Amino acid sequence: MKIEQTTTDTRVLEELGARLAAERLAQDLTQAQLAEQAGVSKRTVERLEAGAVATQLSTFLRVLRVLGLQDKLDALIPEPTPSPLQQLKGKGRTRQRASGQAEPPAAPGKKWTWDP
């Protein structure tokens, strides 16, 4: 399954968990072995693979490191590169602040809710 903008948080967690489980199995590791090497509990690995909870990011990173997948995070959030125009404007300086964007006015009568 391709994770897209419209994919719900729950489905993303389930998909990431399934991918972790598949990689663990491909490396012929039990959940207990992975947990021990990552320094987390077996139950934590079970929950990650089930997509049951959003654990701490540091726990997720430990598991990725044991599976040798931490370098794949570069594809998740690539290092930003300034456009040629930004380079000319900034004269080589790194941007320190965002100007922000104007928020569109809220639609009347539309109630805001959390993503399911």
N, C-alpha and C. Protein backbone atom coordinates (compact mmCIF):
# COMPACT_ATOMS: atom_id res chain seq x y z
N MET A 1 0.84 -1.18 0.00
CA MET A 1 0.00 0.00 0.00
C MET A 1 0.88 1.24 0.00
N LYS A 2 0.53 2.18 -0.81
CA LYS A 2 1.24 3.45 -0.86
C LYS A 2 0.61 4.39 0.17
N ILE A 3 1.44 4.98 0.99
CA ILE A 3 0.96 5.94 1.98
C ILE A 3 0.83 7.29 1.29
N GLU A 4 -0.39 7.81 1.28
CA GLU A 4 -0.67 9.06 0.59
C GLU A 4 -1.17 10.11 1.57
N GLN A 5 -1.36 11.30 1.06
CA GLN A 5 -1.83 12.43 1.87
C GLN A 5 -3.17 12.14 2.52
N THR A 6 -4.03 11.39 1.84
CA THR A 6 -5.38 11.14 2.34
C THR A 6 -5.47 9.92 3.25
N THR A 7 -4.37 9.19 3.43
CA THR A 7 -4.38 8.01 4.28
C THR A 7 -4.53 8.44 5.74
N THR A 8 -5.44 7.78 6.46
CA THR A 8 -5.68 8.14 7.86
C THR A 8 -4.47 7.77 8.72
N ASP A 9 -4.36 8.45 9.86
CA ASP A 9 -3.26 8.17 10.79
C ASP A 9 -3.25 6.71 11.22
N THR A 10 -4.41 6.19 11.51
CA THR A 10 -4.52 4.79 11.95
C THR A 10 -3.99 3.86 10.88
N ARG A 11 -4.36 4.10 9.64
CA ARG A 11 -3.93 3.24 8.53
C ARG A 11 -2.42 3.38 8.29
N VAL A 12 -1.88 4.57 8.46
CA VAL A 12 -0.44 4.77 8.31
C VAL A 12 0.31 3.96 9.36
N LEU A 13 -0.15 4.03 10.62
CA LEU A 13 0.50 3.27 11.69
C LEU A 13 0.42 1.77 11.42
N GLU A 14 -0.72 1.31 10.94
CA GLU A 14 -0.88 -0.11 10.62
C GLU A 14 0.08 -0.52 9.50
N GLU A 15 0.19 0.32 8.49
CA GLU A 15 1.06 0.01 7.35
C GLU A 15 2.53 0.01 7.78
N LEU A 16 2.94 1.00 8.57
CA LEU A 16 4.32 1.04 9.04
C LEU A 16 4.62 -0.19 9.91
N GLY A 17 3.66 -0.58 10.74
CA GLY A 17 3.82 -1.77 11.57
C GLY A 17 3.98 -3.02 10.74
N ALA A 18 3.17 -3.14 9.69
CA ALA A 18 3.27 -4.31 8.82
C ALA A 18 4.61 -4.34 8.10
N ARG A 19 5.10 -3.18 7.70
CA ARG A 19 6.39 -3.12 7.03
C ARG A 19 7.52 -3.49 7.98
N LEU A 20 7.43 -3.02 9.24
CA LEU A 20 8.44 -3.40 10.23
C LEU A 20 8.43 -4.90 10.47
N ALA A 21 7.24 -5.47 10.59
CA ALA A 21 7.12 -6.92 10.82
C ALA A 21 7.72 -7.69 9.65
N ALA A 22 7.44 -7.25 8.44
CA ALA A 22 7.98 -7.94 7.26
C ALA A 22 9.50 -7.87 7.23
N GLU A 23 10.07 -6.73 7.57
CA GLU A 23 11.52 -6.58 7.60
C GLU A 23 12.13 -7.44 8.71
N ARG A 24 11.47 -7.48 9.86
CA ARG A 24 11.97 -8.32 10.96
C ARG A 24 12.00 -9.78 10.54
N LEU A 25 10.93 -10.22 9.89
CA LEU A 25 10.85 -11.61 9.44
C LEU A 25 11.89 -11.89 8.35
N ALA A 26 12.12 -10.92 7.46
CA ALA A 26 13.11 -11.09 6.41
C ALA A 26 14.51 -11.25 7.00
N GLN A 27 14.74 -10.63 8.16
CA GLN A 27 16.03 -10.74 8.83
C GLN A 27 16.05 -11.91 9.81
N ASP A 28 14.97 -12.70 9.83
CA ASP A 28 14.85 -13.89 10.66
C ASP A 28 15.05 -13.59 12.15
N LEU A 29 14.44 -12.51 12.59
CA LEU A 29 14.48 -12.13 14.01
C LEU A 29 13.12 -12.37 14.64
N THR A 30 13.12 -12.86 15.87
CA THR A 30 11.86 -12.95 16.61
C THR A 30 11.56 -11.58 17.20
N GLN A 31 10.33 -11.39 17.64
CA GLN A 31 9.99 -10.13 18.28
C GLN A 31 10.83 -9.95 19.54
N ALA A 32 11.07 -11.03 20.26
CA ALA A 32 11.86 -10.96 21.49
C ALA A 32 13.31 -10.55 21.18
N GLN A 33 13.89 -11.11 20.12
CA GLN A 33 15.26 -10.76 19.76
C GLN A 33 15.36 -9.29 19.35
N LEU A 34 14.41 -8.85 18.55
CA LEU A 34 14.41 -7.45 18.12
C LEU A 34 14.26 -6.53 19.33
N ALA A 35 13.36 -6.87 20.22
CA ALA A 35 13.14 -6.06 21.42
C ALA A 35 14.41 -5.97 22.27
N GLU A 36 15.06 -7.09 22.45
CA GLU A 36 16.29 -7.10 23.27
C GLU A 36 17.37 -6.25 22.64
N GLN A 37 17.58 -6.39 21.33
CA GLN A 37 18.62 -5.63 20.65
C GLN A 37 18.30 -4.13 20.62
N ALA A 38 17.02 -3.79 20.55
CA ALA A 38 16.62 -2.38 20.52
C ALA A 38 16.51 -1.78 21.91
N GLY A 39 16.55 -2.61 22.95
CA GLY A 39 16.43 -2.11 24.31
C GLY A 39 15.02 -1.70 24.67
N VAL A 40 14.03 -2.38 24.10
CA VAL A 40 12.63 -2.11 24.41
C VAL A 40 11.98 -3.43 24.80
N SER A 41 10.75 -3.36 25.28
CA SER A 41 10.06 -4.59 25.66
C SER A 41 9.48 -5.29 24.43
N LYS A 42 9.25 -6.59 24.57
CA LYS A 42 8.64 -7.35 23.49
C LYS A 42 7.25 -6.80 23.19
N ARG A 43 6.54 -6.40 24.22
CA ARG A 43 5.20 -5.84 24.04
C ARG A 43 5.25 -4.56 23.20
N THR A 44 6.30 -3.77 23.35
CA THR A 44 6.45 -2.56 22.54
C THR A 44 6.59 -2.92 21.07
N VAL A 45 7.41 -3.94 20.78
CA VAL A 45 7.56 -4.39 19.39
C VAL A 45 6.23 -4.90 18.86
N GLU A 46 5.50 -5.66 19.68
CA GLU A 46 4.18 -6.16 19.25
C GLU A 46 3.25 -5.00 18.91
N ARG A 47 3.26 -3.98 19.74
CA ARG A 47 2.39 -2.82 19.51
C ARG A 47 2.80 -2.04 18.27
N LEU A 48 4.11 -1.87 18.07
CA LEU A 48 4.59 -1.19 16.87
C LEU A 48 4.13 -1.93 15.62
N GLU A 49 4.30 -3.24 15.62
CA GLU A 49 3.95 -4.04 14.45
C GLU A 49 2.44 -4.07 14.21
N ALA A 50 1.67 -3.96 15.27
CA ALA A 50 0.22 -3.97 15.13
C ALA A 50 -0.32 -2.58 14.75
N GLY A 51 0.51 -1.57 14.88
CA GLY A 51 0.07 -0.21 14.61
C GLY A 51 -0.93 0.25 15.66
N ALA A 52 -0.83 -0.37 16.84
CA ALA A 52 -1.82 -0.14 17.89
C ALA A 52 -1.65 1.20 18.59
N VAL A 53 -0.42 1.64 18.75
CA VAL A 53 -0.19 2.88 19.49
C VAL A 53 0.86 3.71 18.80
N ALA A 54 0.83 4.97 19.03
CA ALA A 54 1.88 5.86 18.56
C ALA A 54 2.90 5.93 19.69
N THR A 55 3.95 5.13 19.60
CA THR A 55 4.97 5.11 20.64
C THR A 55 5.89 6.31 20.47
N GLN A 56 6.79 6.45 21.40
CA GLN A 56 7.74 7.55 21.30
C GLN A 56 8.60 7.36 20.06
N LEU A 57 8.93 8.44 19.45
CA LEU A 57 9.74 8.40 18.24
C LEU A 57 11.10 7.77 18.52
N SER A 58 11.66 7.98 19.71
CA SER A 58 12.96 7.41 20.04
C SER A 58 12.89 5.88 20.05
N THR A 59 11.77 5.32 20.48
CA THR A 59 11.59 3.87 20.46
C THR A 59 11.56 3.37 19.03
N PHE A 60 10.83 4.07 18.19
CA PHE A 60 10.74 3.72 16.77
C PHE A 60 12.13 3.75 16.13
N LEU A 61 12.92 4.77 16.48
CA LEU A 61 14.27 4.90 15.93
C LEU A 61 15.18 3.75 16.37
N ARG A 62 15.04 3.31 17.61
CA ARG A 62 15.83 2.18 18.09
C ARG A 62 15.55 0.93 17.27
N VAL A 63 14.27 0.67 17.01
CA VAL A 63 13.88 -0.50 16.24
C VAL A 63 14.41 -0.38 14.81
N LEU A 64 14.29 0.80 14.21
CA LEU A 64 14.81 1.00 12.85
C LEU A 64 16.32 0.78 12.80
N ARG A 65 17.02 1.23 13.83
CA ARG A 65 18.47 1.07 13.86
C ARG A 65 18.85 -0.40 13.89
N VAL A 66 18.17 -1.21 14.71
CA VAL A 66 18.47 -2.64 14.79
C VAL A 66 18.21 -3.31 13.45
N LEU A 67 17.14 -2.90 12.76
CA LEU A 67 16.80 -3.49 11.47
C LEU A 67 17.64 -2.92 10.32
N GLY A 68 18.49 -1.93 10.63
CA GLY A 68 19.32 -1.32 9.60
C GLY A 68 18.56 -0.42 8.66
N LEU A 69 17.49 0.20 9.14
CA LEU A 69 16.64 1.02 8.29
C LEU A 69 16.72 2.52 8.60
N GLN A 70 17.59 2.92 9.54
CA GLN A 70 17.61 4.33 9.93
C GLN A 70 18.01 5.24 8.79
N ASP A 71 18.80 4.74 7.83
CA ASP A 71 19.19 5.58 6.71
C ASP A 71 18.02 5.86 5.76
N LYS A 72 16.95 5.07 5.86
CA LYS A 72 15.77 5.29 5.02
C LYS A 72 14.98 6.52 5.46
N LEU A 73 15.25 7.02 6.66
CA LEU A 73 14.56 8.21 7.15
C LEU A 73 14.90 9.44 6.31
N ASP A 74 16.03 9.40 5.64
CA ASP A 74 16.42 10.51 4.77
C ASP A 74 15.39 10.71 3.66
N ALA A 75 14.80 9.60 3.20
CA ALA A 75 13.77 9.70 2.16
C ALA A 75 12.46 10.23 2.76
N LEU A 76 12.26 10.00 4.04
CA LEU A 76 11.03 10.45 4.70
C LEU A 76 10.97 11.98 4.75
N ILE A 77 12.03 12.58 5.23
CA ILE A 77 12.11 14.04 5.30
C ILE A 77 13.47 14.43 4.75
N PRO A 78 13.55 14.66 3.43
CA PRO A 78 14.85 14.98 2.83
C PRO A 78 15.40 16.30 3.34
N GLU A 79 16.71 16.42 3.29
CA GLU A 79 17.35 17.65 3.70
C GLU A 79 16.93 18.77 2.76
N PRO A 80 16.47 19.89 3.32
CA PRO A 80 15.99 20.97 2.45
C PRO A 80 17.14 21.62 1.69
N THR A 81 16.86 21.93 0.44
CA THR A 81 17.84 22.65 -0.37
C THR A 81 17.18 23.93 -0.86
N PRO A 82 17.85 25.03 -0.67
CA PRO A 82 17.26 26.30 -1.11
C PRO A 82 17.22 26.39 -2.63
N SER A 83 16.19 27.06 -3.12
CA SER A 83 16.08 27.27 -4.55
C SER A 83 17.15 28.27 -4.99
N PRO A 84 17.48 28.28 -6.26
CA PRO A 84 18.47 29.26 -6.75
C PRO A 84 18.09 30.70 -6.41
N LEU A 85 16.78 31.00 -6.49
CA LEU A 85 16.32 32.35 -6.17
C LEU A 85 16.56 32.67 -4.69
N GLN A 86 16.28 31.71 -3.82
CA GLN A 86 16.52 31.91 -2.39
C GLN A 86 18.01 32.09 -2.11
N GLN A 87 18.85 31.39 -2.84
CA GLN A 87 20.29 31.53 -2.66
C GLN A 87 20.76 32.93 -3.05
N LEU A 88 20.20 33.46 -4.13
CA LEU A 88 20.57 34.81 -4.53
C LEU A 88 20.08 35.85 -3.54
N LYS A 89 18.84 35.69 -3.08
CA LYS A 89 18.28 36.64 -2.11
C LYS A 89 19.04 36.59 -0.79
N GLY A 90 19.35 35.39 -0.33
CA GLY A 90 19.99 35.24 0.97
C GLY A 90 21.48 35.39 0.96
N LYS A 91 22.07 35.44 -0.22
CA LYS A 91 23.52 35.59 -0.37
C LYS A 91 24.27 34.56 0.46
N GLY A 92 23.77 33.30 0.40
CA GLY A 92 24.46 32.21 1.07
C GLY A 92 24.08 32.01 2.53
N ARG A 93 23.28 32.90 3.08
CA ARG A 93 22.88 32.75 4.49
C ARG A 93 21.77 31.72 4.60
N THR A 94 21.74 31.03 5.71
CA THR A 94 20.68 30.06 5.99
C THR A 94 19.48 30.79 6.58
N ARG A 95 18.32 30.46 6.11
CA ARG A 95 17.09 31.09 6.58
C ARG A 95 16.84 30.72 8.04
N GLN A 96 16.49 31.71 8.85
CA GLN A 96 16.29 31.50 10.28
C GLN A 96 14.82 31.54 10.71
N ARG A 97 13.98 32.21 9.93
CA ARG A 97 12.58 32.36 10.30
C ARG A 97 11.68 32.15 9.10
N ALA A 98 10.43 31.78 9.41
CA ALA A 98 9.40 31.67 8.38
C ALA A 98 8.50 32.89 8.49
N SER A 99 8.05 33.37 7.35
CA SER A 99 7.17 34.54 7.37
C SER A 99 5.75 34.14 7.72
N GLY A 100 5.43 32.89 7.60
CA GLY A 100 4.07 32.43 7.90
C GLY A 100 3.16 32.66 6.72
N GLN A 101 2.05 31.98 6.74
CA GLN A 101 1.07 32.12 5.68
C GLN A 101 -0.23 32.61 6.29
N ALA A 102 -0.93 33.41 5.54
CA ALA A 102 -2.22 33.89 6.01
C ALA A 102 -3.19 32.71 6.07
N GLU A 103 -3.88 32.57 7.19
CA GLU A 103 -4.83 31.48 7.32
C GLU A 103 -6.13 31.86 6.62
N PRO A 104 -6.69 30.93 5.86
CA PRO A 104 -7.96 31.23 5.21
C PRO A 104 -9.07 31.35 6.27
N PRO A 105 -10.05 32.18 6.02
CA PRO A 105 -11.13 32.32 7.00
C PRO A 105 -11.89 31.01 7.12
N ALA A 106 -12.29 30.68 8.34
CA ALA A 106 -13.03 29.44 8.58
C ALA A 106 -14.40 29.52 7.94
N ALA A 107 -14.82 28.41 7.37
CA ALA A 107 -16.15 28.36 6.76
C ALA A 107 -17.19 28.44 7.87
N PRO A 108 -18.19 29.29 7.71
CA PRO A 108 -19.21 29.41 8.76
C PRO A 108 -20.02 28.12 8.86
N GLY A 109 -20.23 27.70 10.09
CA GLY A 109 -21.05 26.53 10.34
C GLY A 109 -20.32 25.21 10.22
N LYS A 110 -19.08 25.22 9.80
CA LYS A 110 -18.34 23.97 9.67
C LYS A 110 -17.58 23.73 10.97
N LYS A 111 -17.86 22.62 11.63
CA LYS A 111 -17.26 22.31 12.91
C LYS A 111 -15.96 21.54 12.67
N TRP A 112 -14.90 21.91 13.39
CA TRP A 112 -13.61 21.27 13.28
C TRP A 112 -13.62 19.98 14.10
N THR A 113 -13.03 18.90 13.56
CA THR A 113 -12.93 17.63 14.29
C THR A 113 -11.55 17.04 14.05
N TRP A 114 -11.15 16.14 14.95
CA TRP A 114 -9.88 15.42 14.81
C TRP A 114 -10.00 14.43 13.67
N ASP A 115 -8.88 14.12 13.02
CA ASP A 115 -8.83 13.10 11.97
C ASP A 115 -9.05 11.74 12.64
N PRO A 116 -9.99 10.91 12.12
CA PRO A 116 -10.26 9.61 12.77
C PRO A 116 -9.10 8.67 12.69
